[in-house]
Amino acid sequence: MALETFEYTVTDGDTAARLGSGDLAVLATPRLINWLERAAYTVAKASITTRQTTVGTLVKVEHLKGSPVGTHVRVTCAK
């Protein structure tokens, strides 16, 4: 199984306080989900035709720890 890895650094624009999902300056769960979906889409589009696309139908995430601004986050997706 091949893996694709995507890396991000948490910025002020990625925080719960900025996105309105909380009031702390830590990575917002909605932003984390966005990064996960972007990774899945990027990996999937390499395997589908130009006439196909993908759509998310289920997201199950356990966001266990706050990641403050400046934290490096790695998202890995299997293909």
PDB file of N, CA and C in Angstrom:
ATOM      1  N   MET A   1       0.844  -1.167   0.000  1.00  0.00           N
ATOM      2  CA  MET A   1       0.000   0.000   0.000  1.00  0.00           C
ATOM      3  C   MET A   1       0.894   1.237   0.000  1.00  0.00           C
ATOM      4  N   ALA A   2       0.624   2.145  -0.922  1.00  0.00           N
ATOM      5  CA  ALA A   2       1.376   3.392  -1.002  1.00  0.00           C
ATOM      6  C   ALA A   2       0.712   4.458  -0.147  1.00  0.00           C
ATOM      7  N   LEU A   3       1.522   5.335   0.402  1.00  0.00           N
ATOM      8  CA  LEU A   3       1.003   6.419   1.230  1.00  0.00           C
ATOM      9  C   LEU A   3       1.405   7.761   0.636  1.00  0.00           C
ATOM     10  N   GLU A   4       0.517   8.719   0.696  1.00  0.00           N
ATOM     11  CA  GLU A   4       0.810  10.100   0.337  1.00  0.00           C
ATOM     12  C   GLU A   4       0.741  10.916   1.614  1.00  0.00           C
ATOM     13  N   THR A   5       1.702  11.790   1.813  1.00  0.00           N
ATOM     14  CA  THR A   5       1.754  12.602   3.018  1.00  0.00           C
ATOM     15  C   THR A   5       1.658  14.075   2.653  1.00  0.00           C
ATOM     16  N   PHE A   6       0.873  14.801   3.409  1.00  0.00           N
ATOM     17  CA  PHE A   6       0.673  16.228   3.221  1.00  0.00           C
ATOM     18  C   PHE A   6       1.016  16.902   4.537  1.00  0.00           C
ATOM     19  N   GLU A   7       1.732  18.013   4.481  1.00  0.00           N
ATOM     20  CA  GLU A   7       2.153  18.680   5.706  1.00  0.00           C
ATOM     21  C   GLU A   7       1.644  20.113   5.735  1.00  0.00           C
ATOM     22  N   TYR A   8       1.248  20.530   6.914  1.00  0.00           N
ATOM     23  CA  TYR A   8       0.714  21.860   7.135  1.00  0.00           C
ATOM     24  C   TYR A   8       1.312  22.434   8.403  1.00  0.00           C
ATOM     25  N   THR A   9       1.324  23.744   8.504  1.00  0.00           N
ATOM     26  CA  THR A   9       1.680  24.428   9.736  1.00  0.00           C
ATOM     27  C   THR A   9       0.458  25.225  10.171  1.00  0.00           C
ATOM     28  N   VAL A  10       0.036  25.048  11.411  1.00  0.00           N
ATOM     29  CA  VAL A  10      -1.142  25.741  11.924  1.00  0.00           C
ATOM     30  C   VAL A  10      -0.866  27.247  11.954  1.00  0.00           C
ATOM     31  N   THR A  11      -1.773  28.012  11.344  1.00  0.00           N
ATOM     32  CA  THR A  11      -1.680  29.473  11.336  1.00  0.00           C
ATOM     33  C   THR A  11      -2.862  30.057  12.096  1.00  0.00           C
ATOM     34  N   ASP A  12      -2.861  31.351  12.291  1.00  0.00           N
ATOM     35  CA  ASP A  12      -3.989  32.012  12.952  1.00  0.00           C
ATOM     36  C   ASP A  12      -5.298  31.729  12.223  1.00  0.00           C
ATOM     37  N   GLY A  13      -5.245  31.623  10.910  1.00  0.00           N
ATOM     38  CA  GLY A  13      -6.438  31.366  10.115  1.00  0.00           C
ATOM     39  C   GLY A  13      -6.993  29.962  10.257  1.00  0.00           C
ATOM     40  N   ASP A  14      -6.238  29.065  10.866  1.00  0.00           N
ATOM     41  CA  ASP A  14      -6.657  27.671  11.048  1.00  0.00           C
ATOM     42  C   ASP A  14      -7.244  27.405  12.431  1.00  0.00           C
ATOM     43  N   THR A  15      -7.313  28.419  13.273  1.00  0.00           N
ATOM     44  CA  THR A  15      -7.690  28.195  14.667  1.00  0.00           C
ATOM     45  C   THR A  15      -9.202  28.147  14.883  1.00  0.00           C
ATOM     46  N   ALA A  16      -9.566  27.510  15.975  1.00  0.00           N
ATOM     47  CA  ALA A  16     -10.973  27.430  16.357  1.00  0.00           C
ATOM     48  C   ALA A  16     -11.543  28.834  16.568  1.00  0.00           C
ATOM     49  N   ALA A  17     -10.756  29.711  17.174  1.00  0.00           N
ATOM     50  CA  ALA A  17     -11.223  31.081  17.408  1.00  0.00           C
ATOM     51  C   ALA A  17     -11.515  31.792  16.088  1.00  0.00           C
ATOM     52  N   ARG A  18     -10.686  31.612  15.094  1.00  0.00           N
ATOM     53  CA  ARG A  18     -10.878  32.282  13.803  1.00  0.00           C
ATOM     54  C   ARG A  18     -12.025  31.667  13.014  1.00  0.00           C
ATOM     55  N   LEU A  19     -12.149  30.348  13.064  1.00  0.00           N
ATOM     56  CA  LEU A  19     -13.178  29.669  12.265  1.00  0.00           C
ATOM     57  C   LEU A  19     -14.532  29.596  12.967  1.00  0.00           C
ATOM     58  N   GLY A  20     -14.580  29.993  14.226  1.00  0.00           N
ATOM     59  CA  GLY A  20     -15.843  30.032  14.935  1.00  0.00           C
ATOM     60  C   GLY A  20     -16.306  28.700  15.501  1.00  0.00           C
ATOM     61  N   SER A  21     -15.378  27.760  15.644  1.00  0.00           N
ATOM     62  CA  SER A  21     -15.765  26.462  16.213  1.00  0.00           C
ATOM     63  C   SER A  21     -15.324  26.339  17.671  1.00  0.00           C
ATOM     64  N   GLY A  22     -14.859  27.419  18.230  1.00  0.00           N
ATOM     65  CA  GLY A  22     -14.402  27.459  19.613  1.00  0.00           C
ATOM     66  C   GLY A  22     -13.780  28.814  19.874  1.00  0.00           C
ATOM     67  N   ASP A  23     -13.137  28.964  21.022  1.00  0.00           N
ATOM     68  CA  ASP A  23     -12.556  30.273  21.329  1.00  0.00           C
ATOM     69  C   ASP A  23     -11.054  30.215  21.624  1.00  0.00           C
ATOM     70  N   LEU A  24     -10.429  29.093  21.302  1.00  0.00           N
ATOM     71  CA  LEU A  24      -8.995  28.949  21.553  1.00  0.00           C
ATOM     72  C   LEU A  24      -8.187  29.096  20.261  1.00  0.00           C
ATOM     73  N   ALA A  25      -6.937  29.488  20.433  1.00  0.00           N
ATOM     74  CA  ALA A  25      -6.025  29.630  19.290  1.00  0.00           C
ATOM     75  C   ALA A  25      -5.307  28.305  19.036  1.00  0.00           C
ATOM     76  N   VAL A  26      -6.096  27.264  18.791  1.00  0.00           N
ATOM     77  CA  VAL A  26      -5.574  25.938  18.454  1.00  0.00           C
ATOM     78  C   VAL A  26      -6.239  25.480  17.160  1.00  0.00           C
ATOM     79  N   LEU A  27      -5.655  24.472  16.537  1.00  0.00           N
ATOM     80  CA  LEU A  27      -6.196  23.956  15.279  1.00  0.00           C
ATOM     81  C   LEU A  27      -7.675  23.610  15.428  1.00  0.00           C
ATOM     82  N   ALA A  28      -8.486  24.176  14.562  1.00  0.00           N
ATOM     83  CA  ALA A  28      -9.921  23.906  14.577  1.00  0.00           C
ATOM     84  C   ALA A  28     -10.200  22.547  13.957  1.00  0.00           C
ATOM     85  N   THR A  29     -11.093  21.792  14.559  1.00  0.00           N
ATOM     86  CA  THR A  29     -11.465  20.500  14.004  1.00  0.00           C
ATOM     87  C   THR A  29     -11.998  20.628  12.575  1.00  0.00           C
ATOM     88  N   PRO A  30     -12.811  21.649  12.248  1.00  0.00           N
ATOM     89  CA  PRO A  30     -13.245  21.783  10.849  1.00  0.00           C
ATOM     90  C   PRO A  30     -12.074  21.951   9.873  1.00  0.00           C
ATOM     91  N   ARG A  31     -11.008  22.635  10.292  1.00  0.00           N
ATOM     92  CA  ARG A  31      -9.835  22.787   9.413  1.00  0.00           C
ATOM     93  C   ARG A  31      -9.125  21.446   9.264  1.00  0.00           C
ATOM     94  N   LEU A  32      -8.998  20.691  10.353  1.00  0.00           N
ATOM     95  CA  LEU A  32      -8.385  19.374  10.283  1.00  0.00           C
ATOM     96  C   LEU A  32      -9.158  18.489   9.313  1.00  0.00           C
ATOM     97  N   ILE A  33     -10.475  18.504   9.409  1.00  0.00           N
ATOM     98  CA  ILE A  33     -11.300  17.704   8.499  1.00  0.00           C
ATOM     99  C   ILE A  33     -11.095  18.162   7.058  1.00  0.00           C
ATOM    100  N   ASN A  34     -10.987  19.467   6.843  1.00  0.00           N
ATOM    101  CA  ASN A  34     -10.712  19.978   5.499  1.00  0.00           C
ATOM    102  C   ASN A  34      -9.396  19.426   4.967  1.00  0.00           C
ATOM    103  N   TRP A  35      -8.367  19.419   5.785  1.00  0.00           N
ATOM    104  CA  TRP A  35      -7.074  18.885   5.360  1.00  0.00           C
ATOM    105  C   TRP A  35      -7.168  17.396   5.040  1.00  0.00           C
ATOM    106  N   LEU A  36      -7.918  16.661   5.855  1.00  0.00           N
ATOM    107  CA  LEU A  36      -8.100  15.230   5.608  1.00  0.00           C
ATOM    108  C   LEU A  36      -8.834  14.992   4.286  1.00  0.00           C
ATOM    109  N   GLU A  37      -9.895  15.758   4.059  1.00  0.00           N
ATOM    110  CA  GLU A  37     -10.658  15.595   2.817  1.00  0.00           C
ATOM    111  C   GLU A  37      -9.846  16.009   1.600  1.00  0.00           C
ATOM    112  N   ARG A  38      -9.044  17.065   1.717  1.00  0.00           N
ATOM    113  CA  ARG A  38      -8.188  17.481   0.602  1.00  0.00           C
ATOM    114  C   ARG A  38      -7.184  16.392   0.258  1.00  0.00           C
ATOM    115  N   ALA A  39      -6.621  15.758   1.271  1.00  0.00           N
ATOM    116  CA  ALA A  39      -5.667  14.668   1.037  1.00  0.00           C
ATOM    117  C   ALA A  39      -6.353  13.504   0.340  1.00  0.00           C
ATOM    118  N   ALA A  40      -7.524  13.119   0.831  1.00  0.00           N
ATOM    119  CA  ALA A  40      -8.251  12.003   0.230  1.00  0.00           C
ATOM    120  C   ALA A  40      -8.621  12.310  -1.222  1.00  0.00           C
ATOM    121  N   TYR A  41      -9.074  13.530  -1.486  1.00  0.00           N
ATOM    122  CA  TYR A  41      -9.441  13.916  -2.848  1.00  0.00           C
ATOM    123  C   TYR A  41      -8.219  13.906  -3.766  1.00  0.00           C
ATOM    124  N   THR A  42      -7.115  14.457  -3.300  1.00  0.00           N
ATOM    125  CA  THR A  42      -5.895  14.494  -4.107  1.00  0.00           C
ATOM    126  C   THR A  42      -5.439  13.090  -4.478  1.00  0.00           C
ATOM    127  N   VAL A  43      -5.482  12.178  -3.532  1.00  0.00           N
ATOM    128  CA  VAL A  43      -5.091  10.793  -3.789  1.00  0.00           C
ATOM    129  C   VAL A  43      -6.094  10.112  -4.715  1.00  0.00           C
ATOM    130  N   ALA A  44      -7.367  10.322  -4.468  1.00  0.00           N
ATOM    131  CA  ALA A  44      -8.402   9.669  -5.285  1.00  0.00           C
ATOM    132  C   ALA A  44      -8.391  10.152  -6.723  1.00  0.00           C
ATOM    133  N   LYS A  45      -8.170  11.442  -6.949  1.00  0.00           N
ATOM    134  CA  LYS A  45      -8.267  11.958  -8.307  1.00  0.00           C
ATOM    135  C   LYS A  45      -7.180  11.389  -9.223  1.00  0.00           C
ATOM    136  N   ALA A  46      -6.117  10.865  -8.653  1.00  0.00           N
ATOM    137  CA  ALA A  46      -5.076  10.231  -9.462  1.00  0.00           C
ATOM    138  C   ALA A  46      -5.542   8.877  -9.999  1.00  0.00           C
ATOM    139  N   SER A  47      -6.635   8.351  -9.458  1.00  0.00           N
ATOM    140  CA  SER A  47      -7.119   7.022  -9.847  1.00  0.00           C
ATOM    141  C   SER A  47      -8.452   7.045 -10.586  1.00  0.00           C
ATOM    142  N   ILE A  48      -8.995   8.226 -10.839  1.00  0.00           N
ATOM    143  CA  ILE A  48     -10.286   8.305 -11.512  1.00  0.00           C
ATOM    144  C   ILE A  48     -10.152   9.077 -12.818  1.00  0.00           C
ATOM    145  N   THR A  49     -11.136   8.922 -13.685  1.00  0.00           N
ATOM    146  CA  THR A  49     -11.103   9.621 -14.967  1.00  0.00           C
ATOM    147  C   THR A  49     -11.500  11.078 -14.783  1.00  0.00           C
ATOM    148  N   THR A  50     -11.257  11.872 -15.816  1.00  0.00           N
ATOM    149  CA  THR A  50     -11.610  13.293 -15.746  1.00  0.00           C
ATOM    150  C   THR A  50     -13.118  13.498 -15.695  1.00  0.00           C
ATOM    151  N   ARG A  51     -13.888  12.492 -16.053  1.00  0.00           N
ATOM    152  CA  ARG A  51     -15.350  12.588 -16.018  1.00  0.00           C
ATOM    153  C   ARG A  51     -15.913  12.128 -14.672  1.00  0.00           C
ATOM    154  N   GLN A  52     -15.047  11.752 -13.753  1.00  0.00           N
ATOM    155  CA  GLN A  52     -15.477  11.310 -12.429  1.00  0.00           C
ATOM    156  C   GLN A  52     -15.025  12.298 -11.368  1.00  0.00           C
ATOM    157  N   THR A  53     -15.637  12.215 -10.221  1.00  0.00           N
ATOM    158  CA  THR A  53     -15.210  13.008  -9.074  1.00  0.00           C
ATOM    159  C   THR A  53     -15.462  12.199  -7.808  1.00  0.00           C
ATOM    160  N   THR A  54     -15.248  12.805  -6.690  1.00  0.00           N
ATOM    161  CA  THR A  54     -15.492  12.140  -5.412  1.00  0.00           C
ATOM    162  C   THR A  54     -16.447  12.989  -4.595  1.00  0.00           C
ATOM    163  N   VAL A  55     -17.035  12.379  -3.599  1.00  0.00           N
ATOM    164  CA  VAL A  55     -17.885  13.107  -2.672  1.00  0.00           C
ATOM    165  C   VAL A  55     -17.747  12.453  -1.302  1.00  0.00           C
ATOM    166  N   GLY A  56     -17.605  13.276  -0.291  1.00  0.00           N
ATOM    167  CA  GLY A  56     -17.510  12.742   1.066  1.00  0.00           C
ATOM    168  C   GLY A  56     -18.877  12.324   1.574  1.00  0.00           C
ATOM    169  N   THR A  57     -18.937  11.193   2.255  1.00  0.00           N
ATOM    170  CA  THR A  57     -20.213  10.726   2.797  1.00  0.00           C
ATOM    171  C   THR A  57     -20.165  10.459   4.293  1.00  0.00           C
ATOM    172  N   LEU A  58     -18.966  10.331   4.835  1.00  0.00           N
ATOM    173  CA  LEU A  58     -18.846  10.059   6.273  1.00  0.00           C
ATOM    174  C   LEU A  58     -17.496  10.552   6.758  1.00  0.00           C
ATOM    175  N   VAL A  59     -17.501  11.229   7.882  1.00  0.00           N
ATOM    176  CA  VAL A  59     -16.264  11.669   8.518  1.00  0.00           C
ATOM    177  C   VAL A  59     -16.335  11.253   9.976  1.00  0.00           C
ATOM    178  N   LYS A  60     -15.338  10.520  10.414  1.00  0.00           N
ATOM    179  CA  LYS A  60     -15.249  10.126  11.822  1.00  0.00           C
ATOM    180  C   LYS A  60     -13.850  10.492  12.290  1.00  0.00           C
ATOM    181  N   VAL A  61     -13.767  11.487  13.145  1.00  0.00           N
ATOM    182  CA  VAL A  61     -12.482  12.016  13.583  1.00  0.00           C
ATOM    183  C   VAL A  61     -12.471  12.102  15.101  1.00  0.00           C
ATOM    184  N   GLU A  62     -11.374  11.690  15.689  1.00  0.00           N
ATOM    185  CA  GLU A  62     -11.141  11.922  17.112  1.00  0.00           C
ATOM    186  C   GLU A  62      -9.991  12.920  17.203  1.00  0.00           C
ATOM    187  N   HIS A  63     -10.325  14.148  17.479  1.00  0.00           N
ATOM    188  CA  HIS A  63      -9.335  15.217  17.604  1.00  0.00           C
ATOM    189  C   HIS A  63      -8.979  15.289  19.085  1.00  0.00           C
ATOM    190  N   LEU A  64      -7.869  14.663  19.455  1.00  0.00           N
ATOM    191  CA  LEU A  64      -7.573  14.384  20.855  1.00  0.00           C
ATOM    192  C   LEU A  64      -6.786  15.448  21.609  1.00  0.00           C
ATOM    193  N   LYS A  65      -6.141  16.344  20.869  1.00  0.00           N
ATOM    194  CA  LYS A  65      -5.243  17.268  21.544  1.00  0.00           C
ATOM    195  C   LYS A  65      -5.200  18.588  20.785  1.00  0.00           C
ATOM    196  N   GLY A  66      -5.133  19.684  21.517  1.00  0.00           N
ATOM    197  CA  GLY A  66      -5.016  20.991  20.883  1.00  0.00           C
ATOM    198  C   GLY A  66      -3.641  21.182  20.258  1.00  0.00           C
ATOM    199  N   SER A  67      -3.626  21.765  19.063  1.00  0.00           N
ATOM    200  CA  SER A  67      -2.371  22.052  18.365  1.00  0.00           C
ATOM    201  C   SER A  67      -2.280  23.553  18.165  1.00  0.00           C
ATOM    202  N   PRO A  68      -1.432  24.244  18.925  1.00  0.00           N
ATOM    203  CA  PRO A  68      -1.354  25.698  18.835  1.00  0.00           C
ATOM    204  C   PRO A  68      -0.741  26.176  17.521  1.00  0.00           C
ATOM    205  N   VAL A  69      -0.913  27.463  17.251  1.00  0.00           N
ATOM    206  CA  VAL A  69      -0.321  28.094  16.072  1.00  0.00           C
ATOM    207  C   VAL A  69       1.163  27.770  16.036  1.00  0.00           C
ATOM    208  N   GLY A  70       1.646  27.403  14.863  1.00  0.00           N
ATOM    209  CA  GLY A  70       3.048  27.036  14.679  1.00  0.00           C
ATOM    210  C   GLY A  70       3.302  25.546  14.679  1.00  0.00           C
ATOM    211  N   THR A  71       2.330  24.762  15.129  1.00  0.00           N
ATOM    212  CA  THR A  71       2.475  23.314  15.158  1.00  0.00           C
ATOM    213  C   THR A  71       2.478  22.760  13.734  1.00  0.00           C
ATOM    214  N   HIS A  72       3.357  21.809  13.479  1.00  0.00           N
ATOM    215  CA  HIS A  72       3.405  21.142  12.180  1.00  0.00           C
ATOM    216  C   HIS A  72       2.492  19.900  12.247  1.00  0.00           C
ATOM    217  N   VAL A  73       1.628  19.777  11.247  1.00  0.00           N
ATOM    218  CA  VAL A  73       0.670  18.671  11.212  1.00  0.00           C
ATOM    219  C   VAL A  73       0.917  17.871   9.936  1.00  0.00           C
ATOM    220  N   ARG A  74       0.957  16.554  10.075  1.00  0.00           N
ATOM    221  CA  ARG A  74       1.154  15.665   8.939  1.00  0.00           C
ATOM    222  C   ARG A  74      -0.110  14.840   8.751  1.00  0.00           C
ATOM    223  N   VAL A  75      -0.640  14.860   7.524  1.00  0.00           N
ATOM    224  CA  VAL A  75      -1.821  14.082   7.156  1.00  0.00           C
ATOM    225  C   VAL A  75      -1.360  13.026   6.153  1.00  0.00           C
ATOM    226  N   THR A  76      -1.650  11.763   6.433  1.00  0.00           N
ATOM    227  CA  THR A  76      -1.245  10.669   5.557  1.00  0.00           C
ATOM    228  C   THR A  76      -2.480   9.968   5.020  1.00  0.00           C
ATOM    229  N   CYS A  77      -2.471   9.693   3.722  1.00  0.00           N
ATOM    230  CA  CYS A  77      -3.589   9.049   3.074  1.00  0.00           C
ATOM    231  C   CYS A  77      -3.073   7.854   2.261  1.00  0.00           C
ATOM    232  N   ALA A  78      -3.720   6.704   2.428  1.00  0.00           N
ATOM    233  CA  ALA A  78      -3.325   5.504   1.705  1.00  0.00           C
ATOM    234  C   ALA A  78      -3.982   5.491   0.349  1.00  0.00           C
ATOM    235  N   LYS A  79      -3.224   4.985  -0.645  1.00  0.00           N
ATOM    236  CA  LYS A  79      -3.839   4.846  -1.967  1.00  0.00           C
ATOM    237  C   LYS A  79      -3.756   3.421  -2.423  1.00  0.00           C
TER     238      LYS A  79
END
